[in-house]
Amino acid sequence: SRHGVPFYLFRYRRRKVYALGILLFCGFLYYLSGFIWNIEVTGN
């Protein structure tokens, strides 16, 4: 059996839209990391 990222990428090497979706998702997560999405108030 084969395991790991190199084999995973080789298996889906012809699915360019799938790879593009992963890149866009990672970029979207990076964009969201620049905002405040949870606020915790303590001691009040």
ModelCIF file with pLDDT and N, C-alpha, C, O atoms, coordinates in Angstrom:
data_MODEL
#
_entry.id   MODEL 
#
_entity.id                         1 
_entity.type                       polymer 
_entity.pdbx_number_of_molecules   1 
#
_entity_poly.entity_id                      1 
_entity_poly.type                           'polypeptide(L)' 
_entity_poly.nstd_linkage                   no 
_entity_poly.nstd_monomer                   no 
_entity_poly.pdbx_seq_one_letter_code       SRHGVPFYLFRYRRRKVYALGILLFCGFLYYLSGFIWNIEVTGN 
_entity_poly.pdbx_seq_one_letter_code_can   SRHGVPFYLFRYRRRKVYALGILLFCGFLYYLSGFIWNIEVTGN 
_entity_poly.pdbx_strand_id                 A 
#
loop_
_entity_poly_seq.entity_id 
_entity_poly_seq.num 
_entity_poly_seq.mon_id 
_entity_poly_seq.hetero 
1 1  SER n 
1 2  ARG n 
1 3  HIS n 
1 4  GLY n 
1 5  VAL n 
1 6  PRO n 
1 7  PHE n 
1 8  TYR n 
1 9  LEU n 
1 10 PHE n 
1 11 ARG n 
1 12 TYR n 
1 13 ARG n 
1 14 ARG n 
1 15 ARG n 
1 16 LYS n 
1 17 VAL n 
1 18 TYR n 
1 19 ALA n 
1 20 LEU n 
1 21 GLY n 
1 22 ILE n 
1 23 LEU n 
1 24 LEU n 
1 25 PHE n 
1 26 CYS n 
1 27 GLY n 
1 28 PHE n 
1 29 LEU n 
1 30 TYR n 
1 31 TYR n 
1 32 LEU n 
1 33 SER n 
1 34 GLY n 
1 35 PHE n 
1 36 ILE n 
1 37 TRP n 
1 38 ASN n 
1 39 ILE n 
1 40 GLU n 
1 41 VAL n 
1 42 THR n 
1 43 GLY n 
1 44 ASN n 
#
_struct_asym.id          A 
_struct_asym.entity_id   1 
#
loop_
_ma_qa_metric.id 
_ma_qa_metric.mode 
_ma_qa_metric.name 
_ma_qa_metric.software_group_id 
_ma_qa_metric.type 
1 global pLDDT . pLDDT 
2 local  pLDDT . pLDDT 
#
_ma_qa_metric_global.metric_id      1 
_ma_qa_metric_global.metric_value   83.93 
_ma_qa_metric_global.model_id       1 
_ma_qa_metric_global.ordinal_id     1 
#
loop_
_ma_qa_metric_local.label_asym_id 
_ma_qa_metric_local.label_comp_id 
_ma_qa_metric_local.label_seq_id 
_ma_qa_metric_local.metric_id 
_ma_qa_metric_local.metric_value 
_ma_qa_metric_local.model_id 
_ma_qa_metric_local.ordinal_id 
A SER 1  2 90.00 1 1  
A ARG 2  2 89.00 1 2  
A HIS 3  2 90.00 1 3  
A GLY 4  2 87.00 1 4  
A VAL 5  2 82.00 1 5  
A PRO 6  2 84.00 1 6  
A PHE 7  2 83.00 1 7  
A TYR 8  2 80.00 1 8  
A LEU 9  2 77.00 1 9  
A PHE 10 2 77.00 1 10 
A ARG 11 2 76.00 1 11 
A TYR 12 2 70.00 1 12 
A ARG 13 2 69.00 1 13 
A ARG 14 2 73.00 1 14 
A ARG 15 2 72.00 1 15 
A LYS 16 2 71.00 1 16 
A VAL 17 2 79.00 1 17 
A TYR 18 2 73.00 1 18 
A ALA 19 2 73.00 1 19 
A LEU 20 2 81.00 1 20 
A GLY 21 2 83.00 1 21 
A ILE 22 2 80.00 1 22 
A LEU 23 2 84.00 1 23 
A LEU 24 2 89.00 1 24 
A PHE 25 2 86.00 1 25 
A CYS 26 2 87.00 1 26 
A GLY 27 2 90.00 1 27 
A PHE 28 2 88.00 1 28 
A LEU 29 2 87.00 1 29 
A TYR 30 2 89.00 1 30 
A TYR 31 2 90.00 1 31 
A LEU 32 2 89.00 1 32 
A SER 33 2 90.00 1 33 
A GLY 34 2 91.00 1 34 
A PHE 35 2 92.00 1 35 
A ILE 36 2 92.00 1 36 
A TRP 37 2 92.00 1 37 
A ASN 38 2 91.00 1 38 
A ILE 39 2 91.00 1 39 
A GLU 40 2 91.00 1 40 
A VAL 41 2 90.00 1 41 
A THR 42 2 89.00 1 42 
A GLY 43 2 85.00 1 43 
A ASN 44 2 81.00 1 44 
#
loop_
_atom_site.group_PDB 
_atom_site.id 
_atom_site.type_symbol 
_atom_site.label_atom_id 
_atom_site.label_alt_id 
_atom_site.label_comp_id 
_atom_site.label_asym_id 
_atom_site.label_entity_id 
_atom_site.label_seq_id 
_atom_site.pdbx_PDB_ins_code 
_atom_site.Cartn_x 
_atom_site.Cartn_y 
_atom_site.Cartn_z 
_atom_site.occupancy 
_atom_site.B_iso_or_equiv 
_atom_site.pdbx_formal_charge 
_atom_site.auth_seq_id 
_atom_site.auth_comp_id 
_atom_site.auth_asym_id 
_atom_site.auth_atom_id 
_atom_site.pdbx_PDB_model_num 
ATOM 1   N N  . SER A 1 1  ? 0.852   -1.206 0.000   1.00 90.00 ? 1  SER A N  1 
ATOM 2   C CA . SER A 1 1  ? 0.000   0.000  0.000   1.00 90.00 ? 1  SER A CA 1 
ATOM 3   C C  . SER A 1 1  ? 0.874   1.237  0.000   1.00 90.00 ? 1  SER A C  1 
ATOM 4   O O  . SER A 1 1  ? 2.033   1.203  0.412   1.00 90.00 ? 1  SER A O  1 
ATOM 5   N N  . ARG A 1 2  ? 0.291   2.337  -0.474  1.00 89.00 ? 2  ARG A N  1 
ATOM 6   C CA . ARG A 1 2  ? 1.001   3.620  -0.542  1.00 89.00 ? 2  ARG A CA 1 
ATOM 7   C C  . ARG A 1 2  ? 0.263   4.648  0.320   1.00 89.00 ? 2  ARG A C  1 
ATOM 8   O O  . ARG A 1 2  ? -0.967  4.678  0.347   1.00 89.00 ? 2  ARG A O  1 
ATOM 9   N N  . HIS A 1 3  ? 1.033   5.495  1.028   1.00 90.00 ? 3  HIS A N  1 
ATOM 10  C CA . HIS A 1 3  ? 0.452   6.486  1.930   1.00 90.00 ? 3  HIS A CA 1 
ATOM 11  C C  . HIS A 1 3  ? 1.210   7.805  1.791   1.00 90.00 ? 3  HIS A C  1 
ATOM 12  O O  . HIS A 1 3  ? 2.396   7.823  1.463   1.00 90.00 ? 3  HIS A O  1 
ATOM 13  N N  . GLY A 1 4  ? 0.483   8.935  2.053   1.00 87.00 ? 4  GLY A N  1 
ATOM 14  C CA . GLY A 1 4  ? 1.147   10.230 2.097   1.00 87.00 ? 4  GLY A CA 1 
ATOM 15  C C  . GLY A 1 4  ? 0.676   11.193 1.029   1.00 87.00 ? 4  GLY A C  1 
ATOM 16  O O  . GLY A 1 4  ? -0.046  10.824 0.102   1.00 87.00 ? 4  GLY A O  1 
ATOM 17  N N  . VAL A 1 5  ? 1.102   12.441 1.180   1.00 82.00 ? 5  VAL A N  1 
ATOM 18  C CA . VAL A 1 5  ? 0.690   13.519 0.288   1.00 82.00 ? 5  VAL A CA 1 
ATOM 19  C C  . VAL A 1 5  ? 1.150   13.316 -1.149  1.00 82.00 ? 5  VAL A C  1 
ATOM 20  O O  . VAL A 1 5  ? 0.358   13.564 -2.058  1.00 82.00 ? 5  VAL A O  1 
ATOM 21  N N  . PRO A 1 6  ? 2.394   12.877 -1.415  1.00 84.00 ? 6  PRO A N  1 
ATOM 22  C CA . PRO A 1 6  ? 2.807   12.705 -2.823  1.00 84.00 ? 6  PRO A CA 1 
ATOM 23  C C  . PRO A 1 6  ? 1.897   11.766 -3.604  1.00 84.00 ? 6  PRO A C  1 
ATOM 24  O O  . PRO A 1 6  ? 1.564   12.051 -4.755  1.00 84.00 ? 6  PRO A O  1 
ATOM 25  N N  . PHE A 1 7  ? 1.491   10.658 -3.005  1.00 83.00 ? 7  PHE A N  1 
ATOM 26  C CA . PHE A 1 7  ? 0.605   9.721  -3.698  1.00 83.00 ? 7  PHE A CA 1 
ATOM 27  C C  . PHE A 1 7  ? -0.797  10.302 -3.852  1.00 83.00 ? 7  PHE A C  1 
ATOM 28  O O  . PHE A 1 7  ? -1.470  10.057 -4.854  1.00 83.00 ? 7  PHE A O  1 
ATOM 29  N N  . TYR A 1 8  ? -1.234  11.074 -2.854  1.00 80.00 ? 8  TYR A N  1 
ATOM 30  C CA . TYR A 1 8  ? -2.558  11.703 -2.918  1.00 80.00 ? 8  TYR A CA 1 
ATOM 31  C C  . TYR A 1 8  ? -2.607  12.706 -4.073  1.00 80.00 ? 8  TYR A C  1 
ATOM 32  O O  . TYR A 1 8  ? -3.575  12.738 -4.832  1.00 80.00 ? 8  TYR A O  1 
ATOM 33  N N  . LEU A 1 9  ? -1.558  13.522 -4.200  1.00 77.00 ? 9  LEU A N  1 
ATOM 34  C CA . LEU A 1 9  ? -1.522  14.498 -5.286  1.00 77.00 ? 9  LEU A CA 1 
ATOM 35  C C  . LEU A 1 9  ? -1.407  13.811 -6.642  1.00 77.00 ? 9  LEU A C  1 
ATOM 36  O O  . LEU A 1 9  ? -1.998  14.268 -7.621  1.00 77.00 ? 9  LEU A O  1 
ATOM 37  N N  . PHE A 1 10 ? -0.662  12.732 -6.707  1.00 77.00 ? 10 PHE A N  1 
ATOM 38  C CA . PHE A 1 10 ? -0.503  12.011 -7.977  1.00 77.00 ? 10 PHE A CA 1 
ATOM 39  C C  . PHE A 1 10 ? -1.834  11.398 -8.413  1.00 77.00 ? 10 PHE A C  1 
ATOM 40  O O  . PHE A 1 10 ? -2.152  11.356 -9.602  1.00 77.00 ? 10 PHE A O  1 
ATOM 41  N N  . ARG A 1 11 ? -2.610  10.919 -7.424  1.00 76.00 ? 11 ARG A N  1 
ATOM 42  C CA . ARG A 1 11 ? -3.890  10.282 -7.732  1.00 76.00 ? 11 ARG A CA 1 
ATOM 43  C C  . ARG A 1 11 ? -4.868  11.275 -8.354  1.00 76.00 ? 11 ARG A C  1 
ATOM 44  O O  . ARG A 1 11 ? -5.646  10.926 -9.242  1.00 76.00 ? 11 ARG A O  1 
ATOM 45  N N  . TYR A 1 12 ? -4.816  12.545 -7.864  1.00 70.00 ? 12 TYR A N  1 
ATOM 46  C CA . TYR A 1 12 ? -5.755  13.562 -8.358  1.00 70.00 ? 12 TYR A CA 1 
ATOM 47  C C  . TYR A 1 12 ? -5.051  14.616 -9.219  1.00 70.00 ? 12 TYR A C  1 
ATOM 48  O O  . TYR A 1 12 ? -5.449  15.781 -9.229  1.00 70.00 ? 12 TYR A O  1 
ATOM 49  N N  . ARG A 1 13 ? -4.013  14.207 -9.936  1.00 69.00 ? 13 ARG A N  1 
ATOM 50  C CA . ARG A 1 13 ? -3.218  15.166 -10.702 1.00 69.00 ? 13 ARG A CA 1 
ATOM 51  C C  . ARG A 1 13 ? -3.992  15.771 -11.864 1.00 69.00 ? 13 ARG A C  1 
ATOM 52  O O  . ARG A 1 13 ? -3.676  16.873 -12.313 1.00 69.00 ? 13 ARG A O  1 
ATOM 53  N N  . ARG A 1 14 ? -5.004  15.059 -12.355 1.00 73.00 ? 14 ARG A N  1 
ATOM 54  C CA . ARG A 1 14 ? -5.761  15.557 -13.497 1.00 73.00 ? 14 ARG A CA 1 
ATOM 55  C C  . ARG A 1 14 ? -6.990  16.371 -13.074 1.00 73.00 ? 14 ARG A C  1 
ATOM 56  O O  . ARG A 1 14 ? -7.649  16.977 -13.918 1.00 73.00 ? 14 ARG A O  1 
ATOM 57  N N  . ARG A 1 15 ? -7.291  16.385 -11.808 1.00 72.00 ? 15 ARG A N  1 
ATOM 58  C CA . ARG A 1 15 ? -8.448  17.135 -11.313 1.00 72.00 ? 15 ARG A CA 1 
ATOM 59  C C  . ARG A 1 15 ? -7.991  18.527 -10.883 1.00 72.00 ? 15 ARG A C  1 
ATOM 60  O O  . ARG A 1 15 ? -7.768  18.778 -9.699  1.00 72.00 ? 15 ARG A O  1 
ATOM 61  N N  . LYS A 1 16 ? -7.857  19.414 -11.839 1.00 71.00 ? 16 LYS A N  1 
ATOM 62  C CA . LYS A 1 16 ? -7.314  20.745 -11.559 1.00 71.00 ? 16 LYS A CA 1 
ATOM 63  C C  . LYS A 1 16 ? -8.306  21.595 -10.759 1.00 71.00 ? 16 LYS A C  1 
ATOM 64  O O  . LYS A 1 16 ? -7.905  22.397 -9.916  1.00 71.00 ? 16 LYS A O  1 
ATOM 65  N N  . VAL A 1 17 ? -9.584  21.415 -11.025 1.00 79.00 ? 17 VAL A N  1 
ATOM 66  C CA . VAL A 1 17 ? -10.589 22.193 -10.294 1.00 79.00 ? 17 VAL A CA 1 
ATOM 67  C C  . VAL A 1 17 ? -10.578 21.812 -8.815  1.00 79.00 ? 17 VAL A C  1 
ATOM 68  O O  . VAL A 1 17 ? -10.754 22.668 -7.949  1.00 79.00 ? 17 VAL A O  1 
ATOM 69  N N  . TYR A 1 18 ? -10.371 20.530 -8.530  1.00 73.00 ? 18 TYR A N  1 
ATOM 70  C CA . TYR A 1 18 ? -10.306 20.056 -7.142  1.00 73.00 ? 18 TYR A CA 1 
ATOM 71  C C  . TYR A 1 18 ? -9.115  20.689 -6.421  1.00 73.00 ? 18 TYR A C  1 
ATOM 72  O O  . TYR A 1 18 ? -9.240  21.156 -5.289  1.00 73.00 ? 18 TYR A O  1 
ATOM 73  N N  . ALA A 1 19 ? -7.956  20.698 -7.092  1.00 73.00 ? 19 ALA A N  1 
ATOM 74  C CA . ALA A 1 19 ? -6.764  21.315 -6.499  1.00 73.00 ? 19 ALA A CA 1 
ATOM 75  C C  . ALA A 1 19 ? -6.958  22.817 -6.312  1.00 73.00 ? 19 ALA A C  1 
ATOM 76  O O  . ALA A 1 19 ? -6.533  23.395 -5.311  1.00 73.00 ? 19 ALA A O  1 
ATOM 77  N N  . LEU A 1 20 ? -7.616  23.442 -7.307  1.00 81.00 ? 20 LEU A N  1 
ATOM 78  C CA . LEU A 1 20 ? -7.873  24.878 -7.189  1.00 81.00 ? 20 LEU A CA 1 
ATOM 79  C C  . LEU A 1 20 ? -8.810  25.165 -6.022  1.00 81.00 ? 20 LEU A C  1 
ATOM 80  O O  . LEU A 1 20 ? -8.648  26.163 -5.320  1.00 81.00 ? 20 LEU A O  1 
ATOM 81  N N  . GLY A 1 21 ? -9.797  24.281 -5.815  1.00 83.00 ? 21 GLY A N  1 
ATOM 82  C CA . GLY A 1 21 ? -10.712 24.453 -4.689  1.00 83.00 ? 21 GLY A CA 1 
ATOM 83  C C  . GLY A 1 21 ? -9.993  24.380 -3.357  1.00 83.00 ? 21 GLY A C  1 
ATOM 84  O O  . GLY A 1 21 ? -10.311 25.138 -2.440  1.00 83.00 ? 21 GLY A O  1 
ATOM 85  N N  . ILE A 1 22 ? -9.032  23.481 -3.236  1.00 80.00 ? 22 ILE A N  1 
ATOM 86  C CA . ILE A 1 22 ? -8.259  23.372 -1.995  1.00 80.00 ? 22 ILE A CA 1 
ATOM 87  C C  . ILE A 1 22 ? -7.457  24.644 -1.755  1.00 80.00 ? 22 ILE A C  1 
ATOM 88  O O  . ILE A 1 22 ? -7.398  25.142 -0.630  1.00 80.00 ? 22 ILE A O  1 
ATOM 89  N N  . LEU A 1 23 ? -6.836  25.173 -2.813  1.00 84.00 ? 23 LEU A N  1 
ATOM 90  C CA . LEU A 1 23 ? -6.052  26.400 -2.672  1.00 84.00 ? 23 LEU A CA 1 
ATOM 91  C C  . LEU A 1 23 ? -6.942  27.584 -2.287  1.00 84.00 ? 23 LEU A C  1 
ATOM 92  O O  . LEU A 1 23 ? -6.581  28.395 -1.435  1.00 84.00 ? 23 LEU A O  1 
ATOM 93  N N  . LEU A 1 24 ? -8.115  27.668 -2.929  1.00 89.00 ? 24 LEU A N  1 
ATOM 94  C CA . LEU A 1 24 ? -9.033  28.758 -2.590  1.00 89.00 ? 24 LEU A CA 1 
ATOM 95  C C  . LEU A 1 24 ? -9.534  28.639 -1.159  1.00 89.00 ? 24 LEU A C  1 
ATOM 96  O O  . LEU A 1 24 ? -9.684  29.645 -0.465  1.00 89.00 ? 24 LEU A O  1 
ATOM 97  N N  . PHE A 1 25 ? -9.795  27.413 -0.714  1.00 86.00 ? 25 PHE A N  1 
ATOM 98  C CA . PHE A 1 25 ? -10.245 27.202 0.663   1.00 86.00 ? 25 PHE A CA 1 
ATOM 99  C C  . PHE A 1 25 ? -9.171  27.627 1.657   1.00 86.00 ? 25 PHE A C  1 
ATOM 100 O O  . PHE A 1 25 ? -9.467  28.289 2.651   1.00 86.00 ? 25 PHE A O  1 
ATOM 101 N N  . CYS A 1 26 ? -7.931  27.248 1.391   1.00 87.00 ? 26 CYS A N  1 
ATOM 102 C CA . CYS A 1 26 ? -6.826  27.654 2.281   1.00 87.00 ? 26 CYS A CA 1 
ATOM 103 C C  . CYS A 1 26 ? -6.668  29.177 2.286   1.00 87.00 ? 26 CYS A C  1 
ATOM 104 O O  . CYS A 1 26 ? -6.431  29.777 3.334   1.00 87.00 ? 26 CYS A O  1 
ATOM 105 N N  . GLY A 1 27 ? -6.802  29.804 1.097   1.00 90.00 ? 27 GLY A N  1 
ATOM 106 C CA . GLY A 1 27 ? -6.705  31.260 1.039   1.00 90.00 ? 27 GLY A CA 1 
ATOM 107 C C  . GLY A 1 27 ? -7.848  31.936 1.779   1.00 90.00 ? 27 GLY A C  1 
ATOM 108 O O  . GLY A 1 27 ? -7.656  32.972 2.417   1.00 90.00 ? 27 GLY A O  1 
ATOM 109 N N  . PHE A 1 28 ? -9.054  31.342 1.692   1.00 88.00 ? 28 PHE A N  1 
ATOM 110 C CA . PHE A 1 28 ? -10.209 31.902 2.395   1.00 88.00 ? 28 PHE A CA 1 
ATOM 111 C C  . PHE A 1 28 ? -10.024 31.798 3.906   1.00 88.00 ? 28 PHE A C  1 
ATOM 112 O O  . PHE A 1 28 ? -10.374 32.724 4.637   1.00 88.00 ? 28 PHE A O  1 
ATOM 113 N N  . LEU A 1 29 ? -9.478  30.678 4.379   1.00 87.00 ? 29 LEU A N  1 
ATOM 114 C CA . LEU A 1 29 ? -9.198  30.528 5.807   1.00 87.00 ? 29 LEU A CA 1 
ATOM 115 C C  . LEU A 1 29 ? -8.173  31.562 6.273   1.00 87.00 ? 29 LEU A C  1 
ATOM 116 O O  . LEU A 1 29 ? -8.299  32.129 7.358   1.00 87.00 ? 29 LEU A O  1 
ATOM 117 N N  . TYR A 1 30 ? -7.167  31.798 5.446   1.00 89.00 ? 30 TYR A N  1 
ATOM 118 C CA . TYR A 1 30 ? -6.156  32.795 5.804   1.00 89.00 ? 30 TYR A CA 1 
ATOM 119 C C  . TYR A 1 30 ? -6.782  34.191 5.880   1.00 89.00 ? 30 TYR A C  1 
ATOM 120 O O  . TYR A 1 30 ? -6.426  34.986 6.750   1.00 89.00 ? 30 TYR A O  1 
ATOM 121 N N  . TYR A 1 31 ? -7.710  34.485 4.975   1.00 90.00 ? 31 TYR A N  1 
ATOM 122 C CA . TYR A 1 31 ? -8.388  35.786 5.001   1.00 90.00 ? 31 TYR A CA 1 
ATOM 123 C C  . TYR A 1 31 ? -9.236  35.923 6.259   1.00 90.00 ? 31 TYR A C  1 
ATOM 124 O O  . TYR A 1 31 ? -9.219  36.975 6.898   1.00 90.00 ? 31 TYR A O  1 
ATOM 125 N N  . LEU A 1 32 ? -9.985  34.870 6.627   1.00 89.00 ? 32 LEU A N  1 
ATOM 126 C CA . LEU A 1 32 ? -10.828 34.923 7.812   1.00 89.00 ? 32 LEU A CA 1 
ATOM 127 C C  . LEU A 1 32 ? -10.016 35.040 9.091   1.00 89.00 ? 32 LEU A C  1 
ATOM 128 O O  . LEU A 1 32 ? -10.517 35.547 10.094  1.00 89.00 ? 32 LEU A O  1 
ATOM 129 N N  . SER A 1 33 ? -8.772  34.580 9.074   1.00 90.00 ? 33 SER A N  1 
ATOM 130 C CA . SER A 1 33 ? -7.944  34.648 10.280  1.00 90.00 ? 33 SER A CA 1 
ATOM 131 C C  . SER A 1 33 ? -7.585  36.079 10.673  1.00 90.00 ? 33 SER A C  1 
ATOM 132 O O  . SER A 1 33 ? -7.044  36.304 11.756  1.00 90.00 ? 33 SER A O  1 
ATOM 133 N N  . GLY A 1 34 ? -7.877  37.037 9.815   1.00 91.00 ? 34 GLY A N  1 
ATOM 134 C CA . GLY A 1 34 ? -7.576  38.436 10.126  1.00 91.00 ? 34 GLY A CA 1 
ATOM 135 C C  . GLY A 1 34 ? -8.705  39.166 10.816  1.00 91.00 ? 34 GLY A C  1 
ATOM 136 O O  . GLY A 1 34 ? -8.637  40.384 10.981  1.00 91.00 ? 34 GLY A O  1 
ATOM 137 N N  . PHE A 1 35 ? -9.766  38.439 11.234  1.00 92.00 ? 35 PHE A N  1 
ATOM 138 C CA . PHE A 1 35 ? -10.917 39.055 11.868  1.00 92.00 ? 35 PHE A CA 1 
ATOM 139 C C  . PHE A 1 35 ? -11.197 38.404 13.222  1.00 92.00 ? 35 PHE A C  1 
ATOM 140 O O  . PHE A 1 35 ? -10.685 37.329 13.536  1.00 92.00 ? 35 PHE A O  1 
ATOM 141 N N  . ILE A 1 36 ? -12.031 39.093 14.016  1.00 92.00 ? 36 ILE A N  1 
ATOM 142 C CA . ILE A 1 36 ? -12.469 38.571 15.320  1.00 92.00 ? 36 ILE A CA 1 
ATOM 143 C C  . ILE A 1 36 ? -13.790 37.843 15.127  1.00 92.00 ? 36 ILE A C  1 
ATOM 144 O O  . ILE A 1 36 ? -14.775 38.436 14.686  1.00 92.00 ? 36 ILE A O  1 
ATOM 145 N N  . TRP A 1 37 ? -13.810 36.544 15.462  1.00 92.00 ? 37 TRP A N  1 
ATOM 146 C CA . TRP A 1 37 ? -15.020 35.746 15.294  1.00 92.00 ? 37 TRP A CA 1 
ATOM 147 C C  . TRP A 1 37 ? -15.533 35.167 16.606  1.00 92.00 ? 37 TRP A C  1 
ATOM 148 O O  . TRP A 1 37 ? -16.544 34.466 16.611  1.00 92.00 ? 37 TRP A O  1 
ATOM 149 N N  . ASN A 1 38 ? -14.859 35.445 17.712  1.00 91.00 ? 38 ASN A N  1 
ATOM 150 C CA . ASN A 1 38 ? -15.339 34.968 19.013  1.00 91.00 ? 38 ASN A CA 1 
ATOM 151 C C  . ASN A 1 38 ? -14.846 35.923 20.094  1.00 91.00 ? 38 ASN A C  1 
ATOM 152 O O  . ASN A 1 38 ? -13.682 36.324 20.087  1.00 91.00 ? 38 ASN A O  1 
ATOM 153 N N  . ILE A 1 39 ? -15.733 36.289 21.028  1.00 91.00 ? 39 ILE A N  1 
ATOM 154 C CA . ILE A 1 39 ? -15.392 37.207 22.113  1.00 91.00 ? 39 ILE A CA 1 
ATOM 155 C C  . ILE A 1 39 ? -15.771 36.550 23.436  1.00 91.00 ? 39 ILE A C  1 
ATOM 156 O O  . ILE A 1 39 ? -16.905 36.105 23.616  1.00 91.00 ? 39 ILE A O  1 
ATOM 157 N N  . GLU A 1 40 ? -14.826 36.494 24.346  1.00 91.00 ? 40 GLU A N  1 
ATOM 158 C CA . GLU A 1 40 ? -15.051 35.899 25.669  1.00 91.00 ? 40 GLU A CA 1 
ATOM 159 C C  . GLU A 1 40 ? -14.862 36.973 26.738  1.00 91.00 ? 40 GLU A C  1 
ATOM 160 O O  . GLU A 1 40 ? -13.829 37.640 26.773  1.00 91.00 ? 40 GLU A O  1 
ATOM 161 N N  . VAL A 1 41 ? -15.862 37.141 27.612  1.00 90.00 ? 41 VAL A N  1 
ATOM 162 C CA . VAL A 1 41 ? -15.826 38.137 28.684  1.00 90.00 ? 41 VAL A CA 1 
ATOM 163 C C  . VAL A 1 41 ? -15.720 37.394 30.016  1.00 90.00 ? 41 VAL A C  1 
ATOM 164 O O  . VAL A 1 41 ? -16.544 36.527 30.305  1.00 90.00 ? 41 VAL A O  1 
ATOM 165 N N  . THR A 1 42 ? -14.722 37.723 30.822  1.00 89.00 ? 42 THR A N  1 
ATOM 166 C CA . THR A 1 42 ? -14.518 37.066 32.108  1.00 89.00 ? 42 THR A CA 1 
ATOM 167 C C  . THR A 1 42 ? -14.339 38.117 33.207  1.00 89.00 ? 42 THR A C  1 
ATOM 168 O O  . THR A 1 42 ? -13.908 39.242 32.951  1.00 89.00 ? 42 THR A O  1 
ATOM 169 N N  . GLY A 1 43 ? -14.684 37.716 34.446  1.00 85.00 ? 43 GLY A N  1 
ATOM 170 C CA . GLY A 1 43 ? -14.470 38.579 35.604  1.00 85.00 ? 43 GLY A CA 1 
ATOM 171 C C  . GLY A 1 43 ? -15.569 39.579 35.872  1.00 85.00 ? 43 GLY A C  1 
ATOM 172 O O  . GLY A 1 43 ? -15.508 40.299 36.869  1.00 85.00 ? 43 GLY A O  1 
ATOM 173 N N  . ASN A 1 44 ? -16.590 39.649 35.003  1.00 81.00 ? 44 ASN A N  1 
ATOM 174 C CA . ASN A 1 44 ? -17.653 40.642 35.189  1.00 81.00 ? 44 ASN A CA 1 
ATOM 175 C C  . ASN A 1 44 ? -18.703 40.114 36.162  1.00 81.00 ? 44 ASN A C  1 
ATOM 176 O O  . ASN A 1 44 ? -19.680 40.805 36.449  1.00 81.00 ? 44 ASN A O  1 
#
